[in-house]
Amino acid sequence: MDINKELDARGLTCPLPILKAKKALSDMHSGEVLKVLATDPGSVRDFQAFARQTGNDLIDQQSERHGETDEFIHFLRRR
């Protein structure tokens, strides 16, 4: 998958990862992919709801463990 832009939202809590993703997507072209890195566990359902409400495609969600921290990775395709 080609990533056009990456957003580091680690350490931020709701609603900041969504707000930053919304701004990043507004600067992107249709079909481009945004990768968002987050540490907020609530971001998993937040990005699912965000995609439904905005019409952007939530392509994939992944989680990784880094030491004591869980990291959540979201891939969104701009509508």
Protein backbone atom coordinates (compact mmCIF):
# COMPACT_ATOMS: atom_id res chain seq x y z
CA MET A 1 0.00 0.00 0.00
CA ASP A 2 1.35 3.42 -0.93
CA ILE A 3 1.27 5.91 1.95
CA ASN A 4 1.00 9.54 0.84
CA LYS A 5 1.16 11.16 4.27
CA GLU A 6 1.91 10.02 7.82
CA LEU A 7 0.52 11.67 10.94
CA ASP A 8 2.03 11.09 14.37
CA ALA A 9 -0.74 11.46 16.95
CA ARG A 10 0.98 9.38 19.64
CA GLY A 11 0.45 10.77 23.13
CA LEU A 12 -2.71 12.64 22.10
CA THR A 13 -6.17 11.74 23.39
CA CYS A 14 -9.62 12.08 21.88
CA PRO A 15 -10.54 14.18 19.98
CA LEU A 16 -7.08 15.38 18.90
CA PRO A 17 -6.07 12.40 16.70
CA ILE A 18 -9.34 12.74 14.76
CA LEU A 19 -9.05 16.51 14.44
CA LYS A 20 -5.46 16.27 13.19
CA ALA A 21 -6.43 13.50 10.74
CA LYS A 22 -9.32 15.60 9.44
CA LYS A 23 -6.97 18.51 8.79
CA ALA A 24 -4.38 16.26 7.13
CA LEU A 25 -7.01 14.68 4.87
CA SER A 26 -8.29 18.10 3.80
CA ASP A 27 -4.83 18.82 2.34
CA MET A 28 -4.77 15.54 0.38
CA HIS A 29 -6.17 14.52 -3.01
CA SER A 30 -8.92 11.97 -3.55
CA GLY A 31 -7.59 8.40 -3.37
CA GLU A 32 -4.48 9.29 -1.37
CA VAL A 33 -3.72 7.33 1.81
CA LEU A 34 -3.08 8.76 5.28
CA LYS A 35 -1.34 6.67 7.95
CA VAL A 36 -2.10 7.74 11.52
CA LEU A 37 -0.04 6.56 14.51
CA ALA A 38 -1.88 6.82 17.83
CA THR A 39 -1.55 5.56 21.40
CA ASP A 40 -5.13 6.28 22.52
CA PRO A 41 -7.03 2.93 22.65
CA GLY A 42 -10.24 4.84 21.94
CA SER A 43 -8.83 5.84 18.56
CA VAL A 44 -9.82 2.41 17.16
CA ARG A 45 -13.55 3.04 17.44
CA ASP A 46 -13.13 6.81 16.90
CA PHE A 47 -11.57 6.26 13.46
CA GLN A 48 -14.26 3.71 12.57
CA ALA A 49 -16.96 6.28 13.36
CA PHE A 50 -15.00 9.06 11.64
CA ALA A 51 -14.78 7.04 8.41
CA ARG A 52 -18.52 6.27 8.47
CA GLN A 53 -19.43 9.91 9.09
CA THR A 54 -17.06 11.46 6.53
CA GLY A 55 -17.15 8.92 3.71
CA ASN A 56 -13.39 8.36 3.81
CA ASP A 57 -12.34 4.69 3.59
CA LEU A 58 -10.82 3.11 6.67
CA ILE A 59 -8.59 0.66 4.81
CA ASP A 60 -6.96 -1.04 7.78
CA GLN A 61 -6.31 -0.79 11.52
CA GLN A 62 -3.41 -2.47 13.25
CA SER A 63 -2.00 -2.55 16.76
CA GLU A 64 1.56 -3.08 17.91
CA ARG A 65 3.14 -3.30 21.33
CA HIS A 66 6.23 -1.18 22.00
CA GLY A 67 7.52 -1.97 25.48
CA GLU A 68 4.75 -0.89 27.84
CA THR A 69 2.88 1.08 25.18
CA ASP A 70 0.27 -0.07 22.68
CA GLU A 71 0.37 1.74 19.36
CA PHE A 72 -2.61 1.86 17.02
CA ILE A 73 -2.12 2.41 13.30
CA HIS A 74 -4.97 3.60 11.11
CA PHE A 75 -4.97 3.81 7.31
CA LEU A 76 -7.50 6.12 5.70
CA ARG A 77 -8.09 6.71 1.99
CA ARG A 78 -9.28 10.21 1.11
CA ARG A 79 -12.72 10.21 -0.49
